[in-house]
Amino acid sequence: MHLVQSMAYAGDTPWHGLGNQLSPRQPIEVWAKQAGMDWRIEEAEVRFVSGMAGSTLGSIHAFPEQKVLYRSDTKAPLSVVSSRYNVVQPLSLIEFYRDLVEVGGFELETAGVLKDGKKLWALAKTGQSATLKGRDRVNGYLLLSTSCDGTLATTAQFTSVRVVCNNTLQIALGDSAGAVKVPHRSQFDAAAVKRQLGIAISSWDGFMARMKALSECKVNDTAAETFFRRVLTYPVGSGQPVPATNDSAIKAVQSLYAGKGMGSTLASASGTAWGLVNSITEFVDHQRRARSDDHRRDAAWFGTGATIKQKAWDEAIRLIA
């Protein structure tokens, strides 16, 4: 079963191979329709039936502290949330990019629906890019995502995509300047988020400098082994003081790093800290065990996979500190 229920994209086919291809610079309304986001999240109060015994029909009561969210088109239920939960509509995610595309030089590239509408996202190329030695090109993107089941705050997150392998990496400089998060207990104010992102756009310059430093940082086999064990050793529960090492994952990333990975033989990545990071990002984005490609994508962007990639970045930065 695909978690990605619908999506649209421009340019090359995304690595998961799903979606309806559009030519670039389509109107916002066309994107919403083709991405399967031309519906609304509707609300209804929670009701329950009490006193049902045998054949006696009970009475219906309201529970005002909670509300049901459902799709306007299919009437399919999405979640039960607090009455104070503020919904962000699917079209709002696309609309967020209108002025960025029209006057800001952004190019909307992907938009889609995960988990029948419980998560939604839109991704745009910012126009920022860097080329490391060996023609290793990395492009900057802005990902806007939200949920209607309480699992994800509405988040505007700068991310990078390495062209040679489509590996993704969140851009954060330790102070989380690359992301703006709006919890659902607050109203989503697109203008306010953009003002905050205006400060964060400079984060690309810092990210680019760190990428170049990583690509110039040579590492020996011992340092590489230590790096992989730090990144792929997981804490365990109480009563088990020894952390668990994912040996099969370590073997897989070592193979990617040693030449099997896409772009691993480029001058920027071969035997460098940048190569270490990309062996982890390729593993998480493309190879990590998951129930489906779409579960892997969900984890790579929003879940445990994203956490592993951030850990890899942090450990790599330690090598150049």
Protein backbone atom coordinates (compact mmCIF):
# COMPACT_ATOMS: atom_id res chain seq x y z
CA MET A 1 0.00 0.00 0.00
CA HIS A 2 1.36 3.42 -0.93
CA LEU A 3 1.55 6.02 1.80
CA VAL A 4 1.95 8.62 -0.91
CA GLN A 5 -1.64 8.76 -2.04
CA SER A 6 -1.12 11.48 -4.60
CA MET A 7 1.54 13.93 -5.61
CA ALA A 8 2.72 16.08 -8.48
CA TYR A 9 6.18 17.09 -9.58
CA ALA A 10 8.04 19.07 -12.20
CA GLY A 11 11.30 18.16 -13.88
CA ASP A 12 12.86 14.74 -13.47
CA THR A 13 10.88 11.85 -12.01
CA PRO A 14 11.37 11.75 -8.20
CA TRP A 15 13.25 8.75 -6.86
CA HIS A 16 10.08 7.08 -5.55
CA GLY A 17 8.64 7.14 -9.08
CA LEU A 18 5.15 8.30 -8.09
CA GLY A 19 3.15 11.31 -9.13
CA ASN A 20 1.78 13.19 -12.12
CA GLN A 21 4.41 15.06 -14.12
CA LEU A 22 3.80 18.74 -14.79
CA SER A 23 5.73 21.19 -16.87
CA PRO A 24 7.35 23.89 -14.69
CA ARG A 25 5.68 27.21 -13.82
CA GLN A 26 2.11 25.93 -13.72
CA PRO A 27 -0.54 28.02 -11.95
CA ILE A 28 -0.98 27.28 -8.24
CA GLU A 29 -4.51 25.99 -8.87
CA VAL A 30 -3.23 23.40 -11.37
CA TRP A 31 -0.67 22.18 -8.84
CA ALA A 32 -3.34 21.74 -6.16
CA LYS A 33 -5.51 19.66 -8.47
CA GLN A 34 -2.73 17.50 -9.89
CA ALA A 35 -1.18 16.94 -6.45
CA GLY A 36 -4.52 15.70 -5.13
CA MET A 37 -4.79 18.61 -2.71
CA ASP A 38 -7.94 20.28 -4.06
CA TRP A 39 -10.08 19.33 -1.05
CA ARG A 40 -10.69 20.79 2.38
CA ILE A 41 -10.31 19.45 5.90
CA GLU A 42 -13.76 19.64 7.47
CA GLU A 43 -14.61 19.51 11.20
CA ALA A 44 -17.44 17.92 13.17
CA GLU A 45 -17.97 17.54 16.90
CA VAL A 46 -17.47 14.15 18.49
CA ARG A 47 -20.72 12.36 19.43
CA PHE A 48 -21.26 9.10 21.25
CA VAL A 49 -24.20 6.84 22.08
CA SER A 50 -24.84 5.97 25.72
CA GLY A 51 -27.15 3.55 27.47
CA MET A 52 -27.34 0.92 24.76
CA ALA A 53 -28.48 -2.34 26.35
CA GLY A 54 -29.99 -5.21 24.44
CA SER A 55 -32.30 -3.79 21.80
CA THR A 56 -32.75 -0.45 23.54
CA LEU A 57 -31.39 2.47 21.55
CA GLY A 58 -29.26 4.75 23.69
CA SER A 59 -29.17 8.52 23.66
CA ILE A 60 -26.69 10.58 21.65
CA HIS A 61 -24.36 12.96 23.47
CA ALA A 62 -21.75 15.47 22.33
CA PHE A 63 -18.15 15.57 23.55
CA PRO A 64 -17.16 19.21 22.91
CA GLU A 65 -13.53 18.83 24.03
CA GLN A 66 -12.72 16.87 20.84
CA LYS A 67 -13.56 17.17 17.16
CA VAL A 68 -13.36 14.86 14.15
CA LEU A 69 -11.46 15.98 11.08
CA TYR A 70 -12.50 14.52 7.73
CA ARG A 71 -11.97 15.05 4.01
CA SER A 72 -14.53 17.18 2.19
CA ASP A 73 -14.32 15.09 -1.00
CA THR A 74 -14.50 11.50 0.25
CA LYS A 75 -15.80 12.17 3.79
CA ALA A 76 -13.04 9.82 4.96
CA PRO A 77 -12.09 10.42 8.63
CA LEU A 78 -8.59 11.79 9.23
CA SER A 79 -8.25 12.10 13.00
CA VAL A 80 -9.83 13.04 16.32
CA VAL A 81 -8.13 16.10 17.80
CA SER A 82 -8.61 18.68 20.52
CA SER A 83 -11.26 21.32 19.90
CA ARG A 84 -8.40 23.86 20.10
CA TYR A 85 -6.55 22.22 17.18
CA ASN A 86 -5.99 24.66 14.30
CA VAL A 87 -6.21 23.10 10.86
CA VAL A 88 -3.98 24.08 7.95
CA GLN A 89 -5.82 23.45 4.68
CA PRO A 90 -4.15 21.57 1.79
CA LEU A 91 -4.47 24.55 -0.54
CA SER A 92 -2.75 26.75 2.05
CA LEU A 93 0.45 24.73 1.61
CA ILE A 94 0.45 25.42 -2.13
CA GLU A 95 -0.68 29.02 -1.72
CA PHE A 96 2.26 29.63 0.65
CA TYR A 97 4.57 29.52 -2.36
CA ARG A 98 2.59 31.82 -4.67
CA ASP A 99 4.59 35.00 -4.07
CA LEU A 100 7.84 33.07 -3.62
CA VAL A 101 7.36 31.57 -7.09
CA GLU A 102 6.04 34.72 -8.77
CA VAL A 103 8.58 37.22 -7.45
CA GLY A 104 11.09 35.31 -5.32
CA GLY A 105 12.68 33.06 -7.92
CA PHE A 106 11.46 29.84 -6.27
CA GLU A 107 10.26 26.93 -8.40
CA LEU A 108 7.56 24.66 -6.99
CA GLU A 109 8.67 21.12 -7.73
CA THR A 110 6.72 18.59 -5.66
CA ALA A 111 3.50 18.55 -3.67
CA GLY A 112 1.62 15.62 -2.27
CA VAL A 113 -0.46 13.77 0.26
CA LEU A 114 0.72 11.11 2.69
CA LYS A 115 -1.40 8.65 4.67
CA ASP A 116 -4.72 9.47 2.97
CA GLY A 117 -4.38 13.15 3.84
CA LYS A 118 -3.04 12.95 7.38
CA LYS A 119 0.22 14.55 6.21
CA LEU A 120 0.69 17.01 3.39
CA TRP A 121 3.74 18.69 1.88
CA ALA A 122 4.98 20.98 -0.84
CA LEU A 123 8.60 21.37 -1.92
CA ALA A 124 10.17 24.20 -3.90
CA LYS A 125 13.64 24.77 -5.29
CA THR A 126 15.02 28.01 -3.83
CA GLY A 127 17.43 28.72 -6.66
CA GLN A 128 20.41 28.35 -4.32
CA SER A 129 23.03 25.76 -5.20
CA ALA A 130 26.64 24.82 -4.62
CA THR A 131 29.05 22.72 -6.65
CA LEU A 132 31.77 20.89 -4.76
CA LYS A 133 34.95 19.63 -6.41
CA GLY A 134 34.31 16.91 -8.95
CA ARG A 135 31.09 18.61 -10.14
CA ASP A 136 29.16 17.43 -7.09
CA ARG A 137 26.10 19.70 -7.21
CA VAL A 138 23.79 20.32 -4.25
CA ASN A 139 20.58 22.36 -4.62
CA GLY A 140 18.64 24.18 -1.93
CA TYR A 141 14.94 23.57 -1.33
CA LEU A 142 12.19 24.77 0.98
CA LEU A 143 9.87 22.07 2.32
CA LEU A 144 6.54 23.07 3.86
CA SER A 145 4.72 20.24 5.61
CA THR A 146 1.83 19.79 8.01
CA SER A 147 -0.39 17.12 9.52
CA CYS A 148 -3.98 16.91 10.66
CA ASP A 149 -3.44 14.10 13.17
CA GLY A 150 -1.17 15.85 15.66
CA THR A 151 2.01 14.06 14.53
CA LEU A 152 3.68 17.06 12.89
CA ALA A 153 3.65 20.79 13.52
CA THR A 154 3.33 22.91 10.41
CA THR A 155 7.01 23.17 9.48
CA ALA A 156 8.87 25.26 6.94
CA GLN A 157 12.25 23.57 6.62
CA PHE A 158 15.21 24.32 4.39
CA THR A 159 16.62 21.13 2.93
CA SER A 160 19.22 20.15 0.37
CA VAL A 161 19.16 17.60 -2.44
CA ARG A 162 22.40 16.19 -3.83
CA VAL A 163 21.76 15.97 -7.57
CA VAL A 164 23.87 12.89 -8.34
CA CYS A 165 21.88 10.67 -5.99
CA ASN A 166 18.77 12.61 -4.84
CA ASN A 167 19.89 12.30 -1.21
CA THR A 168 18.16 14.78 1.07
CA LEU A 169 19.54 16.55 4.12
CA GLN A 170 17.89 19.12 6.36
CA ILE A 171 19.78 22.37 6.59
CA ALA A 172 20.32 23.25 10.23
CA LEU A 173 23.25 24.99 11.78
CA GLY A 174 22.90 23.76 15.33
CA ASP A 175 20.56 26.59 16.25
CA SER A 176 17.74 25.19 14.08
CA ALA A 177 17.75 28.41 12.08
CA GLY A 178 16.80 26.43 8.99
CA ALA A 179 13.31 25.57 10.26
CA VAL A 180 10.22 27.43 11.46
CA LYS A 181 7.64 25.34 13.31
CA VAL A 182 4.07 26.40 14.09
CA PRO A 183 2.25 24.10 16.54
CA HIS A 184 -1.40 23.41 15.77
CA ARG A 185 -2.49 25.16 18.96
CA SER A 186 -1.50 28.35 17.14
CA GLN A 187 -2.87 29.83 13.94
CA PHE A 188 -0.63 29.35 10.91
CA ASP A 189 0.41 32.81 9.74
CA ALA A 190 2.14 32.41 6.37
CA ALA A 191 3.44 35.99 6.31
CA ALA A 192 4.99 35.64 9.77
CA VAL A 193 6.67 32.35 8.80
CA LYS A 194 8.14 33.97 5.69
CA ARG A 195 9.49 36.83 7.76
CA GLN A 196 11.23 34.31 10.01
CA LEU A 197 12.52 32.41 6.96
CA GLY A 198 13.94 35.66 5.62
CA ILE A 199 16.44 35.48 8.45
CA ALA A 200 17.03 31.78 7.87
CA ILE A 201 17.73 32.05 4.13
CA SER A 202 21.26 33.09 5.08
CA SER A 203 21.61 29.60 6.58
CA TRP A 204 22.38 28.32 3.06
CA ASP A 205 25.66 30.23 3.05
CA GLY A 206 26.71 28.62 6.33
CA PHE A 207 25.57 25.20 5.13
CA MET A 208 27.50 25.60 1.88
CA ALA A 209 30.68 26.52 3.77
CA ARG A 210 30.30 23.44 5.95
CA MET A 211 29.66 21.19 2.94
CA LYS A 212 32.87 22.41 1.31
CA ALA A 213 34.82 21.91 4.53
CA LEU A 214 33.48 18.35 4.80
CA SER A 215 34.41 17.65 1.18
CA GLU A 216 37.99 18.76 1.91
CA CYS A 217 38.28 16.80 5.16
CA LYS A 218 40.06 13.49 4.49
CA VAL A 219 39.27 10.64 6.89
CA ASN A 220 41.09 7.37 7.45
CA ASP A 221 39.46 3.94 7.87
CA THR A 222 39.54 4.12 11.66
CA ALA A 223 37.79 7.49 11.71
CA ALA A 224 35.19 6.20 9.25
CA GLU A 225 34.49 3.13 11.38
CA THR A 226 34.12 5.29 14.49
CA PHE A 227 31.77 7.65 12.63
CA PHE A 228 29.46 4.87 11.47
CA ARG A 229 29.33 3.28 14.92
CA ARG A 230 28.49 6.62 16.54
CA VAL A 231 25.70 7.31 14.07
CA LEU A 232 24.21 3.81 13.91
CA THR A 233 24.36 2.89 17.60
CA TYR A 234 20.98 3.28 19.21
CA PRO A 235 20.12 3.84 22.87
CA VAL A 236 18.21 1.03 24.54
CA GLY A 237 15.58 0.89 27.25
CA SER A 238 16.07 0.84 30.98
CA GLY A 239 17.80 -2.24 32.35
CA GLN A 240 19.91 -2.52 29.18
CA PRO A 241 22.83 -0.16 29.67
CA VAL A 242 24.74 -1.30 26.58
CA PRO A 243 23.67 0.59 23.42
CA ALA A 244 22.61 -1.53 20.44
CA THR A 245 24.71 -1.33 17.28
CA ASN A 246 22.97 -1.94 13.96
CA ASP A 247 25.67 -4.09 12.37
CA SER A 248 23.78 -4.77 9.14
CA ALA A 249 23.24 -1.04 8.64
CA ILE A 250 26.93 -0.35 9.31
CA LYS A 251 27.91 -2.95 6.71
CA ALA A 252 25.54 -1.35 4.19
CA VAL A 253 26.79 2.21 4.68
CA GLN A 254 30.43 1.09 4.61
CA SER A 255 29.75 -0.47 1.21
CA LEU A 256 28.11 2.74 -0.04
CA TYR A 257 31.01 4.80 1.28
CA ALA A 258 33.61 2.50 -0.30
CA GLY A 259 32.33 3.04 -3.83
CA LYS A 260 28.88 1.46 -4.18
CA GLY A 261 27.03 4.68 -3.34
CA MET A 262 25.86 7.11 -6.02
CA GLY A 263 28.46 9.85 -6.28
CA SER A 264 30.74 8.12 -3.76
CA THR A 265 33.68 8.15 -6.19
CA LEU A 266 33.52 11.90 -6.84
CA ALA A 267 36.50 13.87 -5.57
CA SER A 268 34.27 15.61 -3.04
CA ALA A 269 33.13 12.34 -1.46
CA SER A 270 35.86 9.73 -1.90
CA GLY A 271 37.58 9.26 1.46
CA THR A 272 36.08 12.44 2.90
CA ALA A 273 33.69 13.48 5.68
CA TRP A 274 31.20 14.58 2.99
CA GLY A 275 31.31 11.02 1.67
CA LEU A 276 30.55 9.71 5.17
CA VAL A 277 27.46 11.93 5.42
CA ASN A 278 26.20 10.91 1.99
CA SER A 279 26.59 7.20 2.68
CA ILE A 280 24.18 7.71 5.58
CA THR A 281 21.75 9.89 3.62
CA GLU A 282 21.66 7.43 0.71
CA PHE A 283 21.06 4.54 3.11
CA VAL A 284 18.22 6.38 4.88
CA ASP A 285 16.60 7.80 1.73
CA HIS A 286 16.88 4.77 -0.53
CA GLN A 287 17.87 1.54 1.22
CA ARG A 288 16.85 1.47 4.87
CA ARG A 289 14.43 -1.34 5.64
CA ALA A 290 10.82 -0.23 5.60
CA ARG A 291 7.38 -1.66 4.91
CA SER A 292 7.34 0.25 1.63
CA ASP A 293 9.24 2.96 -0.25
CA ASP A 294 6.68 5.44 1.00
CA HIS A 295 7.11 4.50 4.66
CA ARG A 296 10.84 5.01 4.07
CA ARG A 297 10.19 8.46 2.62
CA ASP A 298 7.98 9.42 5.55
CA ALA A 299 10.72 8.38 7.98
CA ALA A 300 13.47 10.04 5.91
CA TRP A 301 11.73 13.40 5.99
CA PHE A 302 9.79 13.41 9.23
CA GLY A 303 10.74 10.47 11.46
CA THR A 304 13.56 8.22 12.60
CA GLY A 305 15.40 8.50 9.29
CA ALA A 306 15.57 12.28 9.59
CA THR A 307 16.98 11.84 13.10
CA ILE A 308 19.72 9.51 11.82
CA LYS A 309 20.68 11.97 9.08
CA GLN A 310 20.87 14.83 11.54
CA LYS A 311 23.07 12.69 13.81
CA ALA A 312 25.36 11.97 10.85
CA TRP A 313 25.64 15.67 10.05
CA ASP A 314 26.41 16.53 13.69
CA GLU A 315 29.09 13.81 13.91
CA ALA A 316 30.66 14.95 10.63
CA ILE A 317 30.80 18.55 11.84
CA ARG A 318 32.79 17.32 14.84
CA LEU A 319 35.46 16.14 12.39
CA ILE A 320 36.00 19.66 11.06
CA ALA A 321 35.47 21.58 14.29
